[in-house]
Protein backbone atom coordinates (compact mmCIF):
# COMPACT_ATOMS: atom_id res chain seq x y z
CA MET A 1 294.81 165.29 128.51
CA ARG A 2 296.82 162.89 126.43
CA PRO A 3 295.67 159.47 128.00
CA LEU A 4 291.85 160.52 128.24
CA PHE A 5 291.94 162.05 124.17
CA ARG A 6 293.23 158.20 123.01
CA LEU A 7 290.16 156.72 125.49
CA ARG A 8 288.10 158.76 124.17
CA ARG A 9 289.22 157.98 120.74
CA SER A 10 289.01 154.34 121.30
CA LEU A 11 285.99 154.46 122.42
CA THR A 12 285.05 156.84 119.44
CA SER A 13 286.02 153.42 117.18
CA VAL A 14 284.96 150.45 119.81
CA GLY A 15 280.92 152.49 118.78
CA ILE A 16 281.81 152.92 115.13
CA CYS A 17 282.20 148.84 114.90
CA LEU A 18 279.24 147.81 116.91
CA LEU A 19 277.35 150.31 115.19
CA ALA A 20 278.92 148.30 112.28
CA ALA A 21 277.77 144.57 112.95
CA ALA A 22 274.44 145.92 113.62
CA ALA A 23 274.03 146.98 110.33
CA LEU A 24 275.68 143.94 109.16
CA VAL A 25 273.25 141.72 111.14
CA LEU A 26 270.16 144.14 110.22
CA VAL A 27 270.93 143.14 106.38
CA SER A 28 272.29 139.90 106.87
CA ALA A 29 268.73 139.21 108.51
CA SER A 30 267.16 141.29 105.64
CA SER A 31 268.30 139.70 103.43
CA HIS A 32 267.01 135.99 104.55
CA ALA A 33 264.05 137.97 105.04
CA LYS A 34 262.70 139.12 101.42
CA PRO A 35 263.79 135.28 99.57
CA LYS A 36 261.54 133.62 102.46
CA ARG A 37 258.93 136.60 102.24
CA SER A 38 258.91 136.18 98.45
CA LYS A 39 258.63 132.56 98.78
CA ARG A 40 254.89 133.12 100.20
CA VAL A 41 254.06 135.35 97.82
CA VAL A 42 254.78 133.45 95.04
CA THR A 43 252.89 130.22 96.70
CA ALA A 44 250.05 132.00 97.44
CA ASN A 45 249.28 133.16 94.04
CA GLN A 46 250.75 130.53 91.47
CA GLY A 47 247.30 128.37 91.96
CA THR A 48 244.81 130.99 93.02
CA VAL A 49 242.03 131.14 90.68
CA GLY A 50 239.11 134.20 91.18
CA LEU A 51 236.00 132.64 89.97
CA ILE A 52 232.86 135.31 90.22
CA SER A 53 229.18 134.08 90.16
CA GLY A 54 225.70 135.63 90.37
CA GLY A 55 224.72 138.03 93.27
CA PHE A 56 222.77 137.69 96.77
CA GLY A 57 220.50 134.92 95.96
CA SER A 58 221.42 133.32 92.78
CA THR A 59 222.18 129.29 91.96
CA ASN A 60 225.19 130.50 90.33
CA LEU A 61 226.52 132.38 93.87
CA ARG A 62 225.98 128.63 95.54
CA ILE A 63 227.69 127.23 92.45
CA VAL A 64 231.34 128.86 92.72
CA ALA A 65 231.30 128.05 96.96
CA ASP A 66 230.17 123.77 95.57
CA LEU A 67 233.39 124.12 92.50
CA ALA A 68 235.91 125.76 95.70
CA THR A 69 234.86 122.83 98.15
CA VAL A 70 234.96 120.06 95.72
CA LEU A 71 238.07 121.41 93.70
CA ASN A 72 240.51 123.06 95.81
CA GLN A 73 243.56 121.40 96.88
CA LYS A 74 246.31 122.49 99.37
CA HIS A 75 249.03 124.41 98.33
CA LYS A 76 248.14 124.09 94.44
CA LEU A 77 245.33 125.10 93.14
CA ARG A 78 242.78 127.12 95.47
CA LEU A 79 239.63 129.13 94.22
CA LEU A 80 238.66 132.51 95.07
CA PRO A 81 234.54 132.97 94.65
CA MET A 82 233.54 136.61 94.20
CA ILE A 83 229.86 137.66 93.69
CA GLY A 84 229.26 139.60 90.77
CA GLN A 85 226.55 142.02 89.28
CA GLY A 86 225.37 139.70 86.56
CA SER A 87 226.33 137.95 82.83
CA VAL A 88 227.40 141.40 81.30
CA GLN A 89 229.69 142.32 83.62
CA ASN A 90 230.99 139.08 84.52
CA ILE A 91 232.22 139.15 80.61
CA ASP A 92 233.56 142.78 81.30
CA ASP A 93 235.63 141.51 84.53
CA ILE A 94 237.20 138.56 82.70
CA LEU A 95 238.45 140.70 79.62
CA TYR A 96 239.32 143.76 81.59
CA LEU A 97 239.44 142.96 85.31
CA LYS A 98 242.78 141.40 87.33
CA GLY A 99 242.33 138.62 89.60
CA ILE A 100 239.77 137.44 87.21
CA ASP A 101 240.08 134.36 86.12
CA VAL A 102 236.52 132.63 85.47
CA GLY A 103 233.12 133.60 85.69
CA ILE A 104 229.74 131.95 85.48
CA VAL A 105 227.54 133.59 82.84
CA GLN A 106 224.13 132.93 80.73
CA SER A 107 225.31 131.55 77.40
CA ASP A 108 222.94 134.23 75.28
CA VAL A 109 224.87 137.38 77.32
CA PHE A 110 226.66 137.18 73.71
CA GLU A 111 223.11 139.06 72.35
CA VAL A 112 224.33 142.10 74.05
CA PHE A 113 227.27 142.52 72.99
CA LYS A 114 226.52 141.65 68.99
CA LYS A 115 222.84 143.87 69.63
CA THR A 116 225.64 147.35 70.65
CA GLY A 117 228.63 146.04 68.14
CA LYS A 118 231.16 146.75 71.38
CA ARG A 119 232.52 143.89 71.20
CA PRO A 120 232.94 142.08 67.77
CA ASP A 121 235.28 140.15 68.09
CA ILE A 122 233.83 138.51 71.61
CA VAL A 123 233.31 134.41 70.14
CA GLN A 124 237.20 134.93 69.81
CA SER A 125 237.66 136.49 72.48
CA VAL A 126 235.57 135.09 75.27
CA ASN A 127 235.19 131.18 75.25
CA TYR A 128 234.02 128.77 77.08
CA ILE A 129 234.86 125.63 80.20
CA SER A 130 231.53 123.78 80.11
CA LYS A 131 228.17 124.25 80.11
CA LEU A 132 226.74 123.05 83.42
CA PHE A 133 222.83 123.01 83.83
CA ASN A 134 219.68 125.19 82.65
CA VAL A 135 218.58 127.87 85.01
CA GLU A 136 214.85 128.98 84.48
CA PHE A 137 213.19 132.16 83.48
CA HIS A 138 210.30 133.51 86.12
CA LEU A 139 207.97 135.75 85.66
CA ILE A 140 205.72 136.75 88.69
CA GLY A 141 203.08 139.00 88.40
CA GLY A 142 200.15 140.65 90.40
CA ASN A 143 196.16 138.95 90.03
CA LYS A 144 194.93 141.49 87.29
CA VAL A 145 197.62 139.95 84.91
CA GLN A 146 197.00 136.13 83.98
CA SER A 147 198.49 135.85 81.02
CA ILE A 148 202.17 137.56 79.19
CA GLU A 149 200.46 138.85 76.32
CA GLN A 150 198.54 140.63 79.09
CA LEU A 151 201.46 142.70 79.94
CA ALA A 152 202.01 144.72 76.27
CA GLY A 153 201.99 148.43 77.60
CA LYS A 154 202.82 147.67 81.95
CA THR A 155 205.09 147.98 83.55
CA VAL A 156 207.90 144.72 84.60
CA SER A 157 211.32 144.78 86.00
CA PHE A 158 213.88 143.26 84.38
CA GLY A 159 216.52 143.27 86.98
CA VAL A 160 219.34 144.90 87.61
CA GLU A 161 220.62 145.87 84.55
CA GLY A 162 223.77 143.87 83.29
CA SER A 163 222.09 141.08 84.73
CA GLY A 164 221.38 137.66 83.65
CA THR A 165 217.59 138.56 83.67
CA SER A 166 218.21 142.29 82.24
CA VAL A 167 219.39 139.77 79.24
CA THR A 168 217.06 137.04 79.29
CA ALA A 169 213.96 139.18 79.03
CA SER A 170 214.55 141.85 77.24
CA ILE A 171 215.25 139.08 74.65
CA VAL A 172 211.99 137.64 75.54
CA PHE A 173 209.69 140.08 75.23
CA GLU A 174 211.26 141.37 71.87
CA ARG A 175 211.44 138.31 70.61
CA LEU A 176 207.75 137.29 71.77
CA GLY A 177 207.04 141.50 69.95
CA ILE A 178 205.13 142.23 73.53
CA LYS A 179 206.19 145.44 74.37
CA VAL A 180 206.57 146.49 77.51
CA LYS A 181 207.69 149.49 79.88
CA SER A 182 211.13 147.67 81.40
CA VAL A 183 212.62 149.18 84.71
CA ASN A 184 216.29 147.98 86.41
CA LEU A 185 214.71 147.08 89.86
CA ASP A 186 216.72 144.40 92.52
CA PHE A 187 214.67 141.31 93.59
CA ASP A 188 213.63 142.63 96.77
CA LEU A 189 212.02 146.36 95.36
CA ALA A 190 210.60 144.84 92.42
CA VAL A 191 208.72 141.83 94.56
CA GLN A 192 207.28 145.54 97.00
CA GLN A 193 206.30 146.97 93.87
CA VAL A 194 204.68 143.96 92.16
CA LYS A 195 202.60 143.36 95.29
CA SER A 196 201.23 146.94 95.41
CA GLY A 197 200.43 147.49 92.17
CA LYS A 198 203.33 149.46 90.44
CA ILE A 199 204.33 147.74 88.27
CA ALA A 200 202.95 144.74 86.91
CA ALA A 201 205.68 141.46 86.50
CA MET A 202 208.78 140.71 87.65
CA ALA A 203 211.24 138.67 85.05
CA TYR A 204 214.27 136.61 87.58
CA VAL A 205 216.42 134.20 86.54
CA SER A 206 217.49 131.28 88.40
CA GLY A 207 217.96 127.74 88.97
CA LYS A 208 215.19 126.04 90.31
CA PRO A 209 213.96 125.73 93.20
CA THR A 210 215.63 129.33 94.23
CA SER A 211 214.94 130.03 97.74
CA VAL A 212 214.30 134.10 97.47
CA ILE A 213 211.17 132.78 95.37
CA ALA A 214 210.20 129.88 97.53
CA ALA A 215 209.59 132.72 100.09
CA LEU A 216 206.69 134.39 98.33
CA LYS A 217 203.27 133.27 98.53
CA ARG A 218 200.19 133.37 96.49
CA SER A 219 198.15 135.16 99.82
CA ASP A 220 200.65 138.15 99.09
CA GLY A 221 198.51 138.59 95.83
CA LEU A 222 201.67 137.04 93.06
CA HIS A 223 200.96 134.35 91.21
CA PHE A 224 203.34 132.73 88.63
CA ILE A 225 202.66 133.61 84.26
CA ALA A 226 203.48 131.42 81.78
CA VAL A 227 205.49 131.05 79.00
CA ASP A 228 204.74 128.91 77.00
CA TYR A 229 208.20 128.15 74.20
CA ALA A 230 207.17 129.46 71.30
CA LYS A 231 209.33 129.04 67.86
CA PRO A 232 211.32 132.42 68.94
CA LEU A 233 212.45 131.07 71.74
CA ARG A 234 213.78 127.95 70.05
CA GLY A 235 217.02 127.70 69.25
CA THR A 236 218.60 130.00 72.41
CA TYR A 237 215.95 128.75 74.81
CA PHE A 238 214.39 125.54 76.06
CA PRO A 239 211.84 123.98 77.87
CA ALA A 240 210.82 124.66 81.20
CA PHE A 241 208.13 124.30 84.26
CA PHE A 242 207.61 125.09 87.60
CA SER A 243 205.51 122.71 89.58
CA TYR A 244 204.16 122.63 92.99
CA GLY A 245 207.40 120.23 94.51
CA ASP A 246 209.28 123.75 92.99
CA TYR A 247 207.27 125.76 94.42
CA PRO A 248 204.55 125.73 97.02
CA GLY A 249 203.32 128.73 98.48
CA LEU A 250 202.55 129.51 94.82
CA ILE A 251 202.00 126.77 92.98
CA GLY A 252 198.59 124.36 93.77
CA LYS A 253 199.32 120.77 93.96
CA GLY A 254 198.75 119.08 90.66
CA ASP A 255 199.81 122.29 89.09
CA ARG A 256 202.21 122.97 86.08
CA VAL A 257 202.99 126.73 85.08
CA GLN A 258 205.08 126.31 81.24
CA SER A 259 208.06 128.20 81.25
CA ILE A 260 211.54 128.50 79.08
CA SER A 261 215.30 127.81 80.41
CA VAL A 262 218.91 128.93 80.02
CA GLY A 263 221.79 127.06 79.72
CA THR A 264 224.86 128.70 82.27
CA ILE A 265 227.81 128.13 81.43
CA MET A 266 231.74 128.24 82.77
CA ALA A 267 233.24 131.65 80.85
CA VAL A 268 237.35 131.90 80.87
CA TYR A 269 239.45 134.88 78.23
CA ASN A 270 240.76 132.70 75.05
CA TRP A 271 244.42 132.80 76.31
CA THR A 272 245.72 130.75 73.54
CA SER A 273 244.80 133.65 71.19
CA SER A 274 246.78 137.12 73.16
CA ARG A 275 250.83 137.53 72.46
CA ILE A 276 251.54 135.75 76.08
CA GLY A 277 249.44 132.77 74.64
CA ARG A 278 250.46 129.28 76.66
CA ARG A 279 253.19 130.75 78.17
CA GLY A 280 251.29 132.75 81.02
CA ALA A 281 250.99 132.18 84.15
CA ARG A 282 246.91 133.23 83.88
CA TYR A 283 246.88 130.50 81.38
CA LYS A 284 248.97 128.31 83.57
CA LYS A 285 246.46 129.03 86.15
CA VAL A 286 243.81 128.47 84.06
CA LYS A 287 244.21 125.11 83.15
CA GLN A 288 245.09 123.54 86.37
CA PHE A 289 241.75 124.73 87.05
CA ILE A 290 240.48 123.14 83.83
CA ASP A 291 242.12 120.08 85.26
CA ALA A 292 240.02 120.29 88.29
CA PHE A 293 237.25 120.44 87.42
CA PHE A 294 237.39 117.45 84.72
CA SER A 295 239.22 114.90 87.58
CA ASN A 296 236.52 116.07 90.07
CA TYR A 297 233.56 116.62 88.08
CA LYS A 298 231.15 113.48 88.95
CA GLU A 299 232.26 114.48 92.72
CA LEU A 300 230.13 117.71 91.83
CA LYS A 301 227.27 115.85 91.10
CA LYS A 302 226.96 113.97 94.89
CA VAL A 303 224.85 115.40 97.94
CA PRO A 304 225.03 117.69 99.45
CA ARG A 305 226.07 119.44 96.34
CA HIS A 306 224.00 121.45 94.76
CA PRO A 307 220.37 119.60 93.04
CA LYS A 308 221.33 121.30 89.67
CA TRP A 309 224.75 119.59 89.30
CA ARG A 310 222.64 116.42 88.71
CA GLU A 311 221.77 118.30 85.14
CA MET A 312 225.45 118.54 83.85
CA ASN A 313 226.44 117.41 81.25
CA ILE A 314 229.88 118.11 80.50
CA ALA A 315 230.02 117.23 76.98
CA ALA A 316 226.82 119.30 76.15
CA GLU A 317 227.59 121.76 73.38
CA VAL A 318 226.98 125.75 73.73
CA PRO A 319 225.55 126.97 69.92
CA GLY A 320 227.32 130.36 69.08
CA TRP A 321 230.17 129.75 71.83
CA LYS A 322 233.76 127.98 71.21
CA ARG A 323 235.23 125.94 73.59
CA PHE A 324 238.18 126.93 74.81
CA PRO A 325 241.38 124.78 73.35
CA PRO A 326 242.70 123.26 76.75
CA ALA A 327 238.41 122.43 77.78
CA GLN A 328 238.35 121.25 74.52
CA GLU A 329 241.67 118.99 75.02
CA ARG A 330 241.06 117.50 78.44
CA LEU A 331 237.28 117.14 77.60
CA SER A 332 237.77 114.28 74.15
CA VAL A 333 240.20 112.77 77.48
CA GLU A 334 237.64 112.40 79.66
CA LEU A 335 235.31 110.98 76.35
CA LYS A 336 237.85 108.34 75.13
CA LYS A 337 238.19 107.38 78.75
CA ARG A 338 234.43 107.19 78.80
CA LYS A 339 234.17 104.75 75.59
CA ASN A 340 236.69 102.43 77.75
CA GLY A 341 234.85 102.35 79.94
CA THR A 342 237.94 103.36 82.77
């Protein structure tokens, strides 16, 4: 029996050795795999910038798509365009939501925060990188309403709650002293209810021409309601108009409808005011985006990018806002180049 016992013992020892060797191979493979995966994770995230815009059909959604197309740099910078829920929510997302680095908002959005007192430090907490262009205030009503004054006491859709439309519409009607019954409806539902006569009019803020409004027709009982550039609106808003070329389905040849417009800007959290400051990874990514934007903004003005880019003036200042320090630094460089003709 002893030889057999020795044989079994020998085989057991060999098995243990084989298992140990296999374990070492697995550990070694694992140790080699982890650094490779870790490197991939770091590479994928170090140049990724989250960019939030407006909703479906909005000019801002097309704008962030253009930014991603023009500014993306392989292995260096990758923009992730996201659909947002309006200017107010975009500001909250910039302040609190992980992965949101830059947001497209309207310049009058601070009015909401000042009114509610929700963020008394909003001007210091959120800065702008650059003004992009102006977007127009569309006011569309049924045939029974011929002027904005006739909307007094009637029901008007101010768009989705927290959207740029709701911000601008509430400010405009308040400053003009026209009291209406506001409701918050999405675009399609608002159009349907204006057509049926359930509500008198609807507001919509977007860069002209916007496809969803271009699809509307006078034969559906819809028309533009003019908004004059009255004194209470000046300072915050700008004069604008719509013509047959913008919306042939709603405006006759040779006709113009007066309206107003509001600035669209790129907003960012002011990382220079935080404890991490310029040392943080988020700050470095935003700065990388800013460098790419100021280096390539002329490309954004070219066809086939959205026509609104042609209106952009990177040096334009936004009343009530502070420019993000790295953006101001880079703008100074660009203006110096322009002055020297380089």
